Amino acid sequence: MLHRVALLVASLAASLTLAVALAIAGFGPTAQTVLPSTASTAASADSADAAAPVQVDKVYVAAPPPQQTVTMHRVVGGGGESEGSEGGD
C-alpha cells in the first residue's frame, strides 16, 4: 500500500513539474497564437512581387556508399575428423 501511495505522489509531482515547465515555455492553456495583421500582409505581398519565386527543377543528393562484400574462408583440419565428433562416446 505504501508503494502505491509513493507512486501516486511521484506521478503527481512529475505532472506538476511538466505543467510548470510548459507554462514557462509558453505552451500553457493560456498561450495565444499571434496572427499577422492585414497591413503586414499587404506589405509582404509588395516585397514578394519584387523578388520572383525560385523554382527548383532538380535536387542533387550524395551517392550512397558502395556495398561491401564480406568473404568467409573456412579451414578444415587435415585429420578427417571434426572437433565435435568423438569416437568413444
Protein backbone atom coordinates (compact mmCIF):
# COMPACT_ATOMS: atom_id res chain seq x y z
CA MET A 1 0.00 0.00 0.00
CA LEU A 2 2.88 2.34 0.81
CA HIS A 3 4.35 1.77 -2.65
CA ARG A 4 1.09 2.76 -4.33
CA VAL A 5 0.93 5.99 -2.35
CA ALA A 6 4.55 6.77 -3.17
CA LEU A 7 3.90 6.08 -6.86
CA LEU A 8 0.85 8.36 -6.81
CA VAL A 9 2.80 11.18 -5.15
CA ALA A 10 5.69 10.79 -7.61
CA SER A 11 3.38 10.86 -10.63
CA LEU A 12 1.61 13.97 -9.33
CA ALA A 13 4.95 15.69 -8.77
CA ALA A 14 6.08 14.79 -12.30
CA SER A 15 2.81 16.07 -13.79
CA LEU A 16 3.08 19.33 -11.85
CA THR A 17 6.70 19.79 -12.93
CA LEU A 18 5.75 19.23 -16.58
CA ALA A 19 2.83 21.65 -16.35
CA VAL A 20 5.01 24.37 -14.82
CA ALA A 21 7.74 23.87 -17.43
CA LEU A 22 5.25 24.06 -20.30
CA ALA A 23 3.64 27.18 -18.81
CA ILE A 24 7.03 28.87 -18.54
CA ALA A 25 7.84 27.91 -22.13
CA GLY A 26 4.56 29.42 -23.33
CA PHE A 27 2.72 26.20 -24.19
CA GLY A 28 0.17 26.52 -21.43
CA PRO A 29 -3.60 26.66 -21.84
CA THR A 30 -3.46 30.48 -21.93
CA ALA A 31 -0.95 30.61 -24.78
CA GLN A 32 -2.17 32.91 -27.55
CA THR A 33 -1.26 32.46 -31.19
CA VAL A 34 -0.25 35.68 -32.88
CA LEU A 35 -1.78 36.18 -36.30
CA PRO A 36 -0.19 38.67 -38.70
CA SER A 37 -2.21 41.78 -39.36
CA THR A 38 -3.52 42.65 -42.82
CA ALA A 39 -1.18 45.65 -43.08
CA SER A 40 1.91 43.50 -42.74
CA THR A 41 0.43 41.00 -45.21
CA ALA A 42 -0.04 43.72 -47.79
CA ALA A 43 3.50 44.96 -47.22
CA SER A 44 4.93 41.47 -47.61
CA ALA A 45 2.91 40.96 -50.83
CA ASP A 46 4.55 44.07 -52.34
CA SER A 47 8.01 42.85 -51.41
CA ALA A 48 7.18 39.37 -52.77
CA ASP A 49 6.49 40.89 -56.20
CA ALA A 50 9.94 42.45 -56.22
CA ALA A 51 11.67 39.10 -55.63
CA ALA A 52 10.47 36.44 -58.06
CA PRO A 53 9.94 32.98 -56.56
CA VAL A 54 12.61 30.41 -57.24
CA GLN A 55 11.60 27.11 -58.81
CA VAL A 56 13.88 24.14 -58.17
CA ASP A 57 14.00 21.62 -61.02
CA LYS A 58 16.47 19.05 -59.69
CA VAL A 59 17.77 18.20 -56.28
CA TYR A 60 21.17 16.50 -56.15
CA VAL A 61 21.78 14.04 -53.35
CA ALA A 62 25.10 12.46 -52.44
CA ALA A 63 25.52 8.93 -53.77
CA PRO A 64 25.19 6.11 -51.25
CA PRO A 65 28.40 4.41 -50.21
CA PRO A 66 29.30 1.33 -52.29
CA GLN A 67 28.26 -2.03 -50.91
CA GLN A 68 30.97 -4.05 -49.25
CA THR A 69 31.50 -7.74 -49.89
CA VAL A 70 32.46 -9.96 -46.99
CA THR A 71 34.21 -13.23 -47.88
CA MET A 72 34.48 -16.00 -45.29
CA HIS A 73 37.09 -18.74 -45.57
CA ARG A 74 36.62 -21.87 -43.51
CA VAL A 75 39.62 -24.01 -42.76
CA VAL A 76 39.02 -27.71 -42.19
CA GLY A 77 41.52 -29.79 -40.26
CA GLY A 78 43.53 -32.40 -42.14
CA GLY A 79 42.66 -35.45 -39.97
CA GLY A 80 39.23 -36.06 -41.45
CA GLU A 81 37.59 -35.68 -38.06
CA SER A 82 35.66 -32.68 -36.89
CA GLU A 83 36.08 -31.19 -33.43
CA GLY A 84 32.57 -32.10 -32.35
CA SER A 85 32.77 -35.81 -33.06
CA GLU A 86 34.34 -38.08 -30.50
CA GLY A 87 34.62 -41.73 -31.31
CA GLY A 88 34.34 -43.28 -27.85
CA ASP A 89 31.10 -41.79 -26.54
